[in-house]
Amino acid sequence: MRPLSSQSIARPPRPGLAVLAAIALSVSGAASLSAAAEGDREYGAFLSGECVTCHQITGGYDGIPPIVGWPPETFVHAMEDYRDGARPNEVMRNIAARYSDEELAALAAYFGSIEPGSGAR
């Protein structure tokens, strides 16, 4: 039996540029979602005035769903869905359309930090 030379060993195929690009995009998308979830809580408190005009800061429900205590990612996704028209509520669509990604992340951090029933500000 002959020893194998380095030329006779088959190398696994290298991933193509398209595969590497897809991986990079999925990783960067996850990173941006993570960054979006890490908004500035104090800025969110500052921006929250319009929200708490309808949504109770205590987390109570009186026909308007509560938004306190939500995981920040869930809050951001919901607001993006309103902004993009995926959720059918014209009032929320108009409100969400005015917020930047940074502002949505800040609101998510603020409302996510409040325990339902606490009424904390």
PDB file of N, CA and C in Angstrom:
ATOM      1  N   MET A   1       0.840  -1.172   0.000  1.00  0.00           N
ATOM      2  CA  MET A   1       0.000   0.000   0.000  1.00  0.00           C
ATOM      3  C   MET A   1       0.884   1.234   0.000  1.00  0.00           C
ATOM      4  N   ARG A   2       0.559   2.165  -0.878  1.00  0.00           N
ATOM      5  CA  ARG A   2       1.329   3.403  -0.987  1.00  0.00           C
ATOM      6  C   ARG A   2       0.822   4.432   0.002  1.00  0.00           C
ATOM      7  N   PRO A   3       1.712   5.226   0.589  1.00  0.00           N
ATOM      8  CA  PRO A   3       1.251   6.314   1.455  1.00  0.00           C
ATOM      9  C   PRO A   3       0.560   7.383   0.607  1.00  0.00           C
ATOM     10  N   LEU A   4      -0.400   8.023   1.213  1.00  0.00           N
ATOM     11  CA  LEU A   4      -1.137   9.068   0.504  1.00  0.00           C
ATOM     12  C   LEU A   4      -0.308  10.337   0.455  1.00  0.00           C
ATOM     13  N   SER A   5      -0.303  10.942  -0.680  1.00  0.00           N
ATOM     14  CA  SER A   5       0.382  12.231  -0.800  1.00  0.00           C
ATOM     15  C   SER A   5      -0.645  13.338  -0.558  1.00  0.00           C
ATOM     16  N   SER A   6      -0.155  14.527  -0.322  1.00  0.00           N
ATOM     17  CA  SER A   6      -1.067  15.651  -0.089  1.00  0.00           C
ATOM     18  C   SER A   6      -1.894  15.949  -1.325  1.00  0.00           C
ATOM     19  N   GLN A   7      -1.413  15.536  -2.501  1.00  0.00           N
ATOM     20  CA  GLN A   7      -2.150  15.798  -3.729  1.00  0.00           C
ATOM     21  C   GLN A   7      -3.312  14.823  -3.905  1.00  0.00           C
ATOM     22  N   SER A   8      -3.222  13.647  -3.281  1.00  0.00           N
ATOM     23  CA  SER A   8      -4.280  12.668  -3.481  1.00  0.00           C
ATOM     24  C   SER A   8      -5.396  12.789  -2.449  1.00  0.00           C
ATOM     25  N   ILE A   9      -5.231  13.659  -1.472  1.00  0.00           N
ATOM     26  CA  ILE A   9      -6.268  13.839  -0.464  1.00  0.00           C
ATOM     27  C   ILE A   9      -7.277  14.854  -0.990  1.00  0.00           C
ATOM     28  N   ALA A  10      -8.511  14.439  -1.020  1.00  0.00           N
ATOM     29  CA  ALA A  10      -9.568  15.337  -1.485  1.00  0.00           C
ATOM     30  C   ALA A  10      -9.903  16.335  -0.387  1.00  0.00           C
ATOM     31  N   ARG A  11      -9.957  17.570  -0.753  1.00  0.00           N
ATOM     32  CA  ARG A  11     -10.307  18.625   0.198  1.00  0.00           C
ATOM     33  C   ARG A  11     -11.793  18.913   0.089  1.00  0.00           C
ATOM     34  N   PRO A  12     -12.393  19.217   1.226  1.00  0.00           N
ATOM     35  CA  PRO A  12     -13.820  19.559   1.145  1.00  0.00           C
ATOM     36  C   PRO A  12     -13.989  20.862   0.370  1.00  0.00           C
ATOM     37  N   PRO A  13     -15.096  20.991  -0.334  1.00  0.00           N
ATOM     38  CA  PRO A  13     -15.318  22.226  -1.098  1.00  0.00           C
ATOM     39  C   PRO A  13     -15.453  23.413  -0.154  1.00  0.00           C
ATOM     40  N   ARG A  14     -14.939  24.528  -0.595  1.00  0.00           N
ATOM     41  CA  ARG A  14     -15.052  25.760   0.190  1.00  0.00           C
ATOM     42  C   ARG A  14     -16.391  26.412  -0.110  1.00  0.00           C
ATOM     43  N   PRO A  15     -16.972  27.030   0.926  1.00  0.00           N
ATOM     44  CA  PRO A  15     -18.257  27.680   0.662  1.00  0.00           C
ATOM     45  C   PRO A  15     -18.091  28.821  -0.337  1.00  0.00           C
ATOM     46  N   GLY A  16     -19.067  28.948  -1.191  1.00  0.00           N
ATOM     47  CA  GLY A  16     -19.030  30.010  -2.184  1.00  0.00           C
ATOM     48  C   GLY A  16     -19.304  31.368  -1.568  1.00  0.00           C
ATOM     49  N   LEU A  17     -19.077  32.379  -2.330  1.00  0.00           N
ATOM     50  CA  LEU A  17     -19.281  33.747  -1.885  1.00  0.00           C
ATOM     51  C   LEU A  17     -20.732  33.987  -1.474  1.00  0.00           C
ATOM     52  N   ALA A  18     -21.684  33.400  -2.191  1.00  0.00           N
ATOM     53  CA  ALA A  18     -23.098  33.588  -1.865  1.00  0.00           C
ATOM     54  C   ALA A  18     -23.423  33.020  -0.484  1.00  0.00           C
ATOM     55  N   VAL A  19     -22.847  31.864  -0.172  1.00  0.00           N
ATOM     56  CA  VAL A  19     -23.075  31.251   1.141  1.00  0.00           C
ATOM     57  C   VAL A  19     -22.491  32.131   2.232  1.00  0.00           C
ATOM     58  N   LEU A  20     -21.279  32.614   2.033  1.00  0.00           N
ATOM     59  CA  LEU A  20     -20.650  33.488   3.022  1.00  0.00           C
ATOM     60  C   LEU A  20     -21.436  34.776   3.200  1.00  0.00           C
ATOM     61  N   ALA A  21     -21.949  35.326   2.118  1.00  0.00           N
ATOM     62  CA  ALA A  21     -22.743  36.552   2.205  1.00  0.00           C
ATOM     63  C   ALA A  21     -24.036  36.305   2.983  1.00  0.00           C
ATOM     64  N   ALA A  22     -24.679  35.161   2.742  1.00  0.00           N
ATOM     65  CA  ALA A  22     -25.913  34.827   3.460  1.00  0.00           C
ATOM     66  C   ALA A  22     -25.652  34.685   4.951  1.00  0.00           C
ATOM     67  N   ILE A  23     -24.546  34.055   5.296  1.00  0.00           N
ATOM     68  CA  ILE A  23     -24.191  33.899   6.705  1.00  0.00           C
ATOM     69  C   ILE A  23     -23.924  35.265   7.323  1.00  0.00           C
ATOM     70  N   ALA A  24     -23.183  36.101   6.629  1.00  0.00           N
ATOM     71  CA  ALA A  24     -22.870  37.430   7.153  1.00  0.00           C
ATOM     72  C   ALA A  24     -24.138  38.249   7.365  1.00  0.00           C
ATOM     73  N   LEU A  25     -25.082  38.179   6.419  1.00  0.00           N
ATOM     74  CA  LEU A  25     -26.325  38.924   6.561  1.00  0.00           C
ATOM     75  C   LEU A  25     -27.158  38.416   7.724  1.00  0.00           C
ATOM     76  N   SER A  26     -27.212  37.093   7.907  1.00  0.00           N
ATOM     77  CA  SER A  26     -28.009  36.569   9.010  1.00  0.00           C
ATOM     78  C   SER A  26     -27.388  36.940  10.343  1.00  0.00           C
ATOM     79  N   VAL A  27     -26.073  36.929  10.434  1.00  0.00           N
ATOM     80  CA  VAL A  27     -25.398  37.310  11.675  1.00  0.00           C
ATOM     81  C   VAL A  27     -25.584  38.800  11.932  1.00  0.00           C
ATOM     82  N   SER A  28     -25.446  39.632  10.900  1.00  0.00           N
ATOM     83  CA  SER A  28     -25.609  41.069  11.102  1.00  0.00           C
ATOM     84  C   SER A  28     -27.051  41.407  11.441  1.00  0.00           C
ATOM     85  N   GLY A  29     -28.006  40.671  10.875  1.00  0.00           N
ATOM     86  CA  GLY A  29     -29.414  40.891  11.216  1.00  0.00           C
ATOM     87  C   GLY A  29     -29.683  40.568  12.669  1.00  0.00           C
ATOM     88  N   ALA A  30     -29.107  39.475  13.162  1.00  0.00           N
ATOM     89  CA  ALA A  30     -29.263  39.124  14.570  1.00  0.00           C
ATOM     90  C   ALA A  30     -28.595  40.164  15.454  1.00  0.00           C
ATOM     91  N   ALA A  31     -27.446  40.659  15.015  1.00  0.00           N
ATOM     92  CA  ALA A  31     -26.746  41.675  15.804  1.00  0.00           C
ATOM     93  C   ALA A  31     -27.545  42.962  15.851  1.00  0.00           C
ATOM     94  N   SER A  32     -28.183  43.351  14.723  1.00  0.00           N
ATOM     95  CA  SER A  32     -28.949  44.589  14.732  1.00  0.00           C
ATOM     96  C   SER A  32     -30.199  44.436  15.583  1.00  0.00           C
ATOM     97  N   LEU A  33     -30.799  43.238  15.586  1.00  0.00           N
ATOM     98  CA  LEU A  33     -31.947  43.008  16.445  1.00  0.00           C
ATOM     99  C   LEU A  33     -31.521  43.101  17.894  1.00  0.00           C
ATOM    100  N   SER A  34     -30.364  42.532  18.224  1.00  0.00           N
ATOM    101  CA  SER A  34     -29.853  42.607  19.577  1.00  0.00           C
ATOM    102  C   SER A  34     -29.580  44.053  19.956  1.00  0.00           C
ATOM    103  N   ALA A  35     -28.983  44.809  19.039  1.00  0.00           N
ATOM    104  CA  ALA A  35     -28.701  46.214  19.313  1.00  0.00           C
ATOM    105  C   ALA A  35     -29.999  46.992  19.477  1.00  0.00           C
ATOM    106  N   ALA A  36     -31.013  46.656  18.663  1.00  0.00           N
ATOM    107  CA  ALA A  36     -32.288  47.341  18.767  1.00  0.00           C
ATOM    108  C   ALA A  36     -32.934  47.077  20.117  1.00  0.00           C
ATOM    109  N   ALA A  37     -32.728  45.886  20.647  1.00  0.00           N
ATOM    110  CA  ALA A  37     -33.320  45.533  21.923  1.00  0.00           C
ATOM    111  C   ALA A  37     -32.602  46.204  23.083  1.00  0.00           C
ATOM    112  N   GLU A  38     -31.453  46.789  22.845  1.00  0.00           N
ATOM    113  CA  GLU A  38     -30.684  47.438  23.894  1.00  0.00           C
ATOM    114  C   GLU A  38     -30.802  48.949  23.797  1.00  0.00           C
ATOM    115  N   GLY A  39     -32.028  49.425  23.767  1.00  0.00           N
ATOM    116  CA  GLY A  39     -32.256  50.854  23.649  1.00  0.00           C
ATOM    117  C   GLY A  39     -31.993  51.593  24.947  1.00  0.00           C
ATOM    118  N   ASP A  40     -32.004  52.901  24.861  1.00  0.00           N
ATOM    119  CA  ASP A  40     -31.764  53.795  25.991  1.00  0.00           C
ATOM    120  C   ASP A  40     -33.062  53.952  26.787  1.00  0.00           C
ATOM    121  N   ARG A  41     -33.095  53.356  27.970  1.00  0.00           N
ATOM    122  CA  ARG A  41     -34.301  53.351  28.792  1.00  0.00           C
ATOM    123  C   ARG A  41     -34.760  54.773  29.142  1.00  0.00           C
ATOM    124  N   GLU A  42     -33.834  55.638  29.504  1.00  0.00           N
ATOM    125  CA  GLU A  42     -34.208  57.011  29.870  1.00  0.00           C
ATOM    126  C   GLU A  42     -34.808  57.765  28.687  1.00  0.00           C
ATOM    127  N   TYR A  43     -34.242  57.555  27.515  1.00  0.00           N
ATOM    128  CA  TYR A  43     -34.788  58.182  26.311  1.00  0.00           C
ATOM    129  C   TYR A  43     -36.190  57.629  26.044  1.00  0.00           C
ATOM    130  N   GLY A  44     -36.363  56.338  26.275  1.00  0.00           N
ATOM    131  CA  GLY A  44     -37.679  55.718  26.125  1.00  0.00           C
ATOM    132  C   GLY A  44     -38.706  56.324  27.069  1.00  0.00           C
ATOM    133  N   ALA A  45     -38.285  56.585  28.311  1.00  0.00           N
ATOM    134  CA  ALA A  45     -39.187  57.226  29.273  1.00  0.00           C
ATOM    135  C   ALA A  45     -39.589  58.611  28.768  1.00  0.00           C
ATOM    136  N   PHE A  46     -38.630  59.324  28.211  1.00  0.00           N
ATOM    137  CA  PHE A  46     -38.887  60.645  27.650  1.00  0.00           C
ATOM    138  C   PHE A  46     -39.898  60.570  26.501  1.00  0.00           C
ATOM    139  N   LEU A  47     -39.764  59.552  25.654  1.00  0.00           N
ATOM    140  CA  LEU A  47     -40.636  59.410  24.485  1.00  0.00           C
ATOM    141  C   LEU A  47     -42.010  58.815  24.812  1.00  0.00           C
ATOM    142  N   SER A  48     -42.180  58.252  25.981  1.00  0.00           N
ATOM    143  CA  SER A  48     -43.356  57.435  26.295  1.00  0.00           C
ATOM    144  C   SER A  48     -44.657  58.209  26.469  1.00  0.00           C
ATOM    145  N   GLY A  49     -44.589  59.516  26.548  1.00  0.00           N
ATOM    146  CA  GLY A  49     -45.783  60.316  26.811  1.00  0.00           C
ATOM    147  C   GLY A  49     -46.940  60.034  25.877  1.00  0.00           C
ATOM    148  N   GLU A  50     -46.662  59.949  24.600  1.00  0.00           N
ATOM    149  CA  GLU A  50     -47.730  59.680  23.629  1.00  0.00           C
ATOM    150  C   GLU A  50     -48.312  58.283  23.841  1.00  0.00           C
ATOM    151  N   CYS A  51     -47.461  57.336  24.175  1.00  0.00           N
ATOM    152  CA  CYS A  51     -47.906  55.946  24.354  1.00  0.00           C
ATOM    153  C   CYS A  51     -48.863  55.812  25.544  1.00  0.00           C
ATOM    154  N   VAL A  52     -48.470  56.438  26.653  1.00  0.00           N
ATOM    155  CA  VAL A  52     -49.263  56.277  27.878  1.00  0.00           C
ATOM    156  C   VAL A  52     -50.526  57.134  27.878  1.00  0.00           C
ATOM    157  N   THR A  53     -50.724  57.892  26.818  1.00  0.00           N
ATOM    158  CA  THR A  53     -51.998  58.581  26.657  1.00  0.00           C
ATOM    159  C   THR A  53     -53.116  57.555  26.493  1.00  0.00           C
ATOM    160  N   CYS A  54     -52.807  56.442  25.849  1.00  0.00           N
ATOM    161  CA  CYS A  54     -53.794  55.378  25.642  1.00  0.00           C
ATOM    162  C   CYS A  54     -53.459  54.113  26.435  1.00  0.00           C
ATOM    163  N   HIS A  55     -52.191  53.687  26.377  1.00  0.00           N
ATOM    164  CA  HIS A  55     -51.772  52.451  27.051  1.00  0.00           C
ATOM    165  C   HIS A  55     -51.468  52.757  28.517  1.00  0.00           C
ATOM    166  N   GLN A  56     -52.122  52.022  29.418  1.00  0.00           N
ATOM    167  CA  GLN A  56     -51.947  52.278  30.840  1.00  0.00           C
ATOM    168  C   GLN A  56     -50.557  51.861  31.315  1.00  0.00           C
ATOM    169  N   ILE A  57     -49.890  52.743  32.016  1.00  0.00           N
ATOM    170  CA  ILE A  57     -48.547  52.479  32.532  1.00  0.00           C
ATOM    171  C   ILE A  57     -48.576  51.379  33.598  1.00  0.00           C
ATOM    172  N   THR A  58     -49.733  51.141  34.178  1.00  0.00           N
ATOM    173  CA  THR A  58     -49.868  50.089  35.191  1.00  0.00           C
ATOM    174  C   THR A  58     -49.943  48.704  34.563  1.00  0.00           C
ATOM    175  N   GLY A  59     -50.145  48.668  33.252  1.00  0.00           N
ATOM    176  CA  GLY A  59     -50.313  47.392  32.576  1.00  0.00           C
ATOM    177  C   GLY A  59     -51.761  46.942  32.559  1.00  0.00           C
ATOM    178  N   GLY A  60     -52.641  47.798  33.052  1.00  0.00           N
ATOM    179  CA  GLY A  60     -54.064  47.469  33.057  1.00  0.00           C
ATOM    180  C   GLY A  60     -54.633  47.432  31.645  1.00  0.00           C
ATOM    181  N   TYR A  61     -55.770  46.751  31.513  1.00  0.00           N
ATOM    182  CA  TYR A  61     -56.406  46.622  30.207  1.00  0.00           C
ATOM    183  C   TYR A  61     -57.801  47.203  30.284  1.00  0.00           C
ATOM    184  N   ASP A  62     -58.036  48.241  29.491  1.00  0.00           N
ATOM    185  CA  ASP A  62     -59.349  48.869  29.428  1.00  0.00           C
ATOM    186  C   ASP A  62     -59.698  49.085  27.952  1.00  0.00           C
ATOM    187  N   GLY A  63     -59.566  48.035  27.175  1.00  0.00           N
ATOM    188  CA  GLY A  63     -59.833  48.117  25.740  1.00  0.00           C
ATOM    189  C   GLY A  63     -58.585  48.388  24.912  1.00  0.00           C
ATOM    190  N   ILE A  64     -57.530  48.923  25.523  1.00  0.00           N
ATOM    191  CA  ILE A  64     -56.247  49.170  24.853  1.00  0.00           C
ATOM    192  C   ILE A  64     -55.255  48.182  25.466  1.00  0.00           C
ATOM    193  N   PRO A  65     -54.594  47.370  24.660  1.00  0.00           N
ATOM    194  CA  PRO A  65     -53.707  46.347  25.223  1.00  0.00           C
ATOM    195  C   PRO A  65     -52.529  46.937  26.002  1.00  0.00           C
ATOM    196  N   PRO A  66     -52.119  46.256  27.063  1.00  0.00           N
ATOM    197  CA  PRO A  66     -50.957  46.723  27.818  1.00  0.00           C
ATOM    198  C   PRO A  66     -49.669  46.522  27.021  1.00  0.00           C
ATOM    199  N   ILE A  67     -48.694  47.398  27.260  1.00  0.00           N
ATOM    200  CA  ILE A  67     -47.400  47.274  26.577  1.00  0.00           C
ATOM    201  C   ILE A  67     -46.236  47.207  27.548  1.00  0.00           C
ATOM    202  N   VAL A  68     -46.509  47.226  28.859  1.00  0.00           N
ATOM    203  CA  VAL A  68     -45.429  47.142  29.836  1.00  0.00           C
ATOM    204  C   VAL A  68     -45.056  45.680  30.076  1.00  0.00           C
ATOM    205  N   GLY A  69     -43.783  45.467  30.385  1.00  0.00           N
ATOM    206  CA  GLY A  69     -43.313  44.123  30.695  1.00  0.00           C
ATOM    207  C   GLY A  69     -43.046  43.242  29.494  1.00  0.00           C
ATOM    208  N   TRP A  70     -43.203  43.768  28.297  1.00  0.00           N
ATOM    209  CA  TRP A  70     -42.939  42.971  27.097  1.00  0.00           C
ATOM    210  C   TRP A  70     -41.431  42.806  26.919  1.00  0.00           C
ATOM    211  N   PRO A  71     -40.998  41.662  26.391  1.00  0.00           N
ATOM    212  CA  PRO A  71     -39.589  41.566  25.994  1.00  0.00           C
ATOM    213  C   PRO A  71     -39.315  42.624  24.917  1.00  0.00           C
ATOM    214  N   PRO A  72     -38.193  43.327  25.005  1.00  0.00           N
ATOM    215  CA  PRO A  72     -37.917  44.394  24.033  1.00  0.00           C
ATOM    216  C   PRO A  72     -38.017  43.948  22.576  1.00  0.00           C
ATOM    217  N   GLU A  73     -37.566  42.736  22.275  1.00  0.00           N
ATOM    218  CA  GLU A  73     -37.625  42.259  20.885  1.00  0.00           C
ATOM    219  C   GLU A  73     -39.061  42.166  20.405  1.00  0.00           C
ATOM    220  N   THR A  74     -39.962  41.731  21.276  1.00  0.00           N
ATOM    221  CA  THR A  74     -41.374  41.607  20.921  1.00  0.00           C
ATOM    222  C   THR A  74     -41.976  42.986  20.652  1.00  0.00           C
ATOM    223  N   PHE A  75     -41.651  43.951  21.504  1.00  0.00           N
ATOM    224  CA  PHE A  75     -42.141  45.317  21.328  1.00  0.00           C
ATOM    225  C   PHE A  75     -41.667  45.887  19.991  1.00  0.00           C
ATOM    226  N   VAL A  76     -40.375  45.741  19.719  1.00  0.00           N
ATOM    227  CA  VAL A  76     -39.809  46.273  18.468  1.00  0.00           C
ATOM    228  C   VAL A  76     -40.470  45.613  17.265  1.00  0.00           C
ATOM    229  N   HIS A  77     -40.620  44.281  17.306  1.00  0.00           N
ATOM    230  CA  HIS A  77     -41.265  43.589  16.174  1.00  0.00           C
ATOM    231  C   HIS A  77     -42.696  44.075  15.976  1.00  0.00           C
ATOM    232  N   ALA A  78     -43.439  44.241  17.056  1.00  0.00           N
ATOM    233  CA  ALA A  78     -44.826  44.707  16.940  1.00  0.00           C
ATOM    234  C   ALA A  78     -44.882  46.095  16.308  1.00  0.00           C
ATOM    235  N   MET A  79     -44.026  46.983  16.783  1.00  0.00           N
ATOM    236  CA  MET A  79     -44.026  48.345  16.240  1.00  0.00           C
ATOM    237  C   MET A  79     -43.580  48.368  14.780  1.00  0.00           C
ATOM    238  N   GLU A  80     -42.607  47.545  14.438  1.00  0.00           N
ATOM    239  CA  GLU A  80     -42.190  47.454  13.031  1.00  0.00           C
ATOM    240  C   GLU A  80     -43.327  46.919  12.171  1.00  0.00           C
ATOM    241  N   ASP A  81     -44.080  45.955  12.700  1.00  0.00           N
ATOM    242  CA  ASP A  81     -45.226  45.425  11.957  1.00  0.00           C
ATOM    243  C   ASP A  81     -46.287  46.496  11.734  1.00  0.00           C
ATOM    244  N   TYR A  82     -46.535  47.336  12.731  1.00  0.00           N
ATOM    245  CA  TYR A  82     -47.465  48.457  12.528  1.00  0.00           C
ATOM    246  C   TYR A  82     -46.915  49.413  11.486  1.00  0.00           C
ATOM    247  N   ARG A  83     -45.653  49.755  11.637  1.00  0.00           N
ATOM    248  CA  ARG A  83     -45.005  50.723  10.732  1.00  0.00           C
ATOM    249  C   ARG A  83     -45.019  50.220   9.294  1.00  0.00           C
ATOM    250  N   ASP A  84     -44.815  48.903   9.117  1.00  0.00           N
ATOM    251  CA  ASP A  84     -44.771  48.319   7.774  1.00  0.00           C
ATOM    252  C   ASP A  84     -46.145  47.956   7.229  1.00  0.00           C
ATOM    253  N   GLY A  85     -47.176  48.118   8.044  1.00  0.00           N
ATOM    254  CA  GLY A  85     -48.531  47.803   7.598  1.00  0.00           C
ATOM    255  C   GLY A  85     -48.921  46.354   7.766  1.00  0.00           C
ATOM    256  N   ALA A  86     -48.089  45.536   8.406  1.00  0.00           N
ATOM    257  CA  ALA A  86     -48.401  44.117   8.602  1.00  0.00           C
ATOM    258  C   ALA A  86     -49.469  43.920   9.680  1.00  0.00           C
ATOM    259  N   ARG A  87     -49.579  44.871  10.604  1.00  0.00           N
ATOM    260  CA  ARG A  87     -50.638  44.826  11.625  1.00  0.00           C
ATOM    261  C   ARG A  87     -51.678  45.874  11.249  1.00  0.00           C
ATOM    262  N   PRO A  88     -52.945  45.468  11.209  1.00  0.00           N
ATOM    263  CA  PRO A  88     -53.996  46.361  10.704  1.00  0.00           C
ATOM    264  C   PRO A  88     -54.599  47.278  11.771  1.00  0.00           C
ATOM    265  N   ASN A  89     -53.914  48.348  12.117  1.00  0.00           N
ATOM    266  CA  ASN A  89     -54.467  49.343  13.032  1.00  0.00           C
ATOM    267  C   ASN A  89     -53.958  50.704  12.560  1.00  0.00           C
ATOM    268  N   GLU A  90     -54.854  51.481  11.987  1.00  0.00           N
ATOM    269  CA  GLU A  90     -54.451  52.746  11.362  1.00  0.00           C
ATOM    270  C   GLU A  90     -53.847  53.728  12.358  1.00  0.00           C
ATOM    271  N   VAL A  91     -54.384  53.777  13.569  1.00  0.00           N
ATOM    272  CA  VAL A  91     -53.843  54.696  14.582  1.00  0.00           C
ATOM    273  C   VAL A  91     -52.406  54.305  14.913  1.00  0.00           C
ATOM    274  N   MET A  92     -52.188  53.025  15.217  1.00  0.00           N
ATOM    275  CA  MET A  92     -50.844  52.564  15.565  1.00  0.00           C
ATOM    276  C   MET A  92     -49.896  52.653  14.367  1.00  0.00           C
ATOM    277  N   ARG A  93     -50.405  52.426  13.183  1.00  0.00           N
ATOM    278  CA  ARG A  93     -49.566  52.548  11.986  1.00  0.00           C
ATOM    279  C   ARG A  93     -49.043  53.975  11.850  1.00  0.00           C
ATOM    280  N   ASN A  94     -49.908  54.953  12.060  1.00  0.00           N
ATOM    281  CA  ASN A  94     -49.495  56.363  11.959  1.00  0.00           C
ATOM    282  C   ASN A  94     -48.512  56.743  13.060  1.00  0.00           C
ATOM    283  N   ILE A  95     -48.725  56.229  14.256  1.00  0.00           N
ATOM    284  CA  ILE A  95     -47.815  56.530  15.365  1.00  0.00           C
ATOM    285  C   ILE A  95     -46.463  55.868  15.130  1.00  0.00           C
ATOM    286  N   ALA A  96     -46.465  54.574  14.806  1.00  0.00           N
ATOM    287  CA  ALA A  96     -45.216  53.829  14.620  1.00  0.00           C
ATOM    288  C   ALA A  96     -44.388  54.393  13.471  1.00  0.00           C
ATOM    289  N   ALA A  97     -45.044  54.925  12.454  1.00  0.00           N
ATOM    290  CA  ALA A  97     -44.333  55.459  11.290  1.00  0.00           C
ATOM    291  C   ALA A  97     -43.456  56.656  11.645  1.00  0.00           C
ATOM    292  N   ARG A  98     -43.764  57.319  12.734  1.00  0.00           N
ATOM    293  CA  ARG A  98     -43.000  58.508  13.133  1.00  0.00           C
ATOM    294  C   ARG A  98     -41.744  58.172  13.928  1.00  0.00           C
ATOM    295  N   TYR A  99     -41.605  56.929  14.390  1.00  0.00           N
ATOM    296  CA  TYR A  99     -40.459  56.567  15.230  1.00  0.00           C
ATOM    297  C   TYR A  99     -39.337  55.943  14.419  1.00  0.00           C
ATOM    298  N   SER A 100     -38.117  56.342  14.741  1.00  0.00           N
ATOM    299  CA  SER A 100     -36.925  55.723  14.140  1.00  0.00           C
ATOM    300  C   SER A 100     -36.660  54.400  14.844  1.00  0.00           C
ATOM    301  N   ASP A 101     -35.746  53.603  14.302  1.00  0.00           N
ATOM    302  CA  ASP A 101     -35.361  52.346  14.947  1.00  0.00           C
ATOM    303  C   ASP A 101     -34.788  52.604  16.338  1.00  0.00           C
ATOM    304  N   GLU A 102     -33.996  53.665  16.473  1.00  0.00           N
ATOM    305  CA  GLU A 102     -33.412  54.013  17.774  1.00  0.00           C
ATOM    306  C   GLU A 102     -34.504  54.365  18.782  1.00  0.00           C
ATOM    307  N   GLU A 103     -35.498  55.096  18.349  1.00  0.00           N
ATOM    308  CA  GLU A 103     -36.592  55.467  19.243  1.00  0.00           C
ATOM    309  C   GLU A 103     -37.430  54.264  19.637  1.00  0.00           C
ATOM    310  N   LEU A 104     -37.676  53.360  18.687  1.00  0.00           N
ATOM    311  CA  LEU A 104     -38.412  52.139  19.016  1.00  0.00           C
ATOM    312  C   LEU A 104     -37.642  51.298  20.026  1.00  0.00           C
ATOM    313  N   ALA A 105     -36.334  51.211  19.850  1.00  0.00           N
ATOM    314  CA  ALA A 105     -35.509  50.448  20.791  1.00  0.00           C
ATOM    315  C   ALA A 105     -35.548  51.086  22.176  1.00  0.00           C
ATOM    316  N   ALA A 106     -35.538  52.406  22.233  1.00  0.00           N
ATOM    317  CA  ALA A 106     -35.602  53.107  23.517  1.00  0.00           C
ATOM    318  C   ALA A 106     -36.949  52.867  24.198  1.00  0.00           C
ATOM    319  N   LEU A 107     -38.028  52.954  23.438  1.00  0.00           N
ATOM    320  CA  LEU A 107     -39.353  52.682  23.999  1.00  0.00           C
ATOM    321  C   LEU A 107     -39.447  51.237  24.477  1.00  0.00           C
ATOM    322  N   ALA A 108     -38.891  50.324  23.700  1.00  0.00           N
ATOM    323  CA  ALA A 108     -38.907  48.902  24.079  1.00  0.00           C
ATOM    324  C   ALA A 108     -38.149  48.676  25.379  1.00  0.00           C
ATOM    325  N   ALA A 109     -37.003  49.329  25.518  1.00  0.00           N
ATOM    326  CA  ALA A 109     -36.213  49.187  26.750  1.00  0.00           C
ATOM    327  C   ALA A 109     -36.980  49.752  27.936  1.00  0.00           C
ATOM    328  N   TYR A 110     -37.623  50.890  27.752  1.00  0.00           N
ATOM    329  CA  TYR A 110     -38.369  51.513  28.841  1.00  0.00           C
ATOM    330  C   TYR A 110     -39.566  50.658  29.250  1.00  0.00           C
ATOM    331  N   PHE A 111     -40.449  50.356  28.302  1.00  0.00           N
ATOM    332  CA  PHE A 111     -41.650  49.597  28.650  1.00  0.00           C
ATOM    333  C   PHE A 111     -41.319  48.179  29.101  1.00  0.00           C
ATOM    334  N   GLY A 112     -40.263  47.608  28.555  1.00  0.00           N
ATOM    335  CA  GLY A 112     -39.845  46.272  28.976  1.00  0.00           C
ATOM    336  C   GLY A 112     -39.312  46.228  30.393  1.00  0.00           C
ATOM    337  N   SER A 113     -38.858  47.370  30.899  1.00  0.00           N
ATOM    338  CA  SER A 113     -38.300  47.417  32.252  1.00  0.00           C
ATOM    339  C   SER A 113     -39.368  47.596  33.332  1.00  0.00           C
ATOM    340  N   ILE A 114     -40.599  47.834  32.930  1.00  0.00           N
ATOM    341  CA  ILE A 114     -41.679  48.076  33.895  1.00  0.00           C
ATOM    342  C   ILE A 114     -42.441  46.782  34.160  1.00  0.00           C
ATOM    343  N   GLU A 115     -42.542  46.431  35.417  1.00  0.00           N
ATOM    344  CA  GLU A 115     -43.331  45.259  35.813  1.00  0.00           C
ATOM    345  C   GLU A 115     -44.809  45.602  35.711  1.00  0.00           C
ATOM    346  N   PRO A 116     -45.603  44.758  35.049  1.00  0.00           N
ATOM    347  CA  PRO A 116     -47.042  45.023  35.004  1.00  0.00           C
ATOM    348  C   PRO A 116     -47.596  45.147  36.427  1.00  0.00           C
ATOM    349  N   GLY A 117     -48.434  46.143  36.623  1.00  0.00           N
ATOM    350  CA  GLY A 117     -49.023  46.377  37.940  1.00  0.00           C
ATOM    351  C   GLY A 117     -48.231  47.315  38.824  1.00  0.00           C
ATOM    352  N   SER A 118     -46.988  47.652  38.430  1.00  0.00           N
ATOM    353  CA  SER A 118     -46.165  48.509  39.276  1.00  0.00           C
ATOM    354  C   SER A 118     -46.476  49.981  39.089  1.00  0.00           C
ATOM    355  N   GLY A 119     -46.834  50.373  37.870  1.00  0.00           N
ATOM    356  CA  GLY A 119     -47.111  51.768  37.583  1.00  0.00           C
ATOM    357  C   GLY A 119     -45.872  52.645  37.669  1.00  0.00           C
ATOM    358  N   ALA A 120     -44.701  52.022  37.675  1.00  0.00           N
ATOM    359  CA  ALA A 120     -43.437  52.773  37.798  1.00  0.00           C
ATOM    360  C   ALA A 120     -43.214  53.647  36.593  1.00  0.00           C
ATOM    361  N   ARG A 121     -42.518  54.722  36.800  1.00  0.00           N
ATOM    362  CA  ARG A 121     -42.145  55.605  35.707  1.00  0.00           C
ATOM    363  C   ARG A 121     -40.701  55.724  35.652  1.00  0.00           C
TER     364      ARG A 121
END
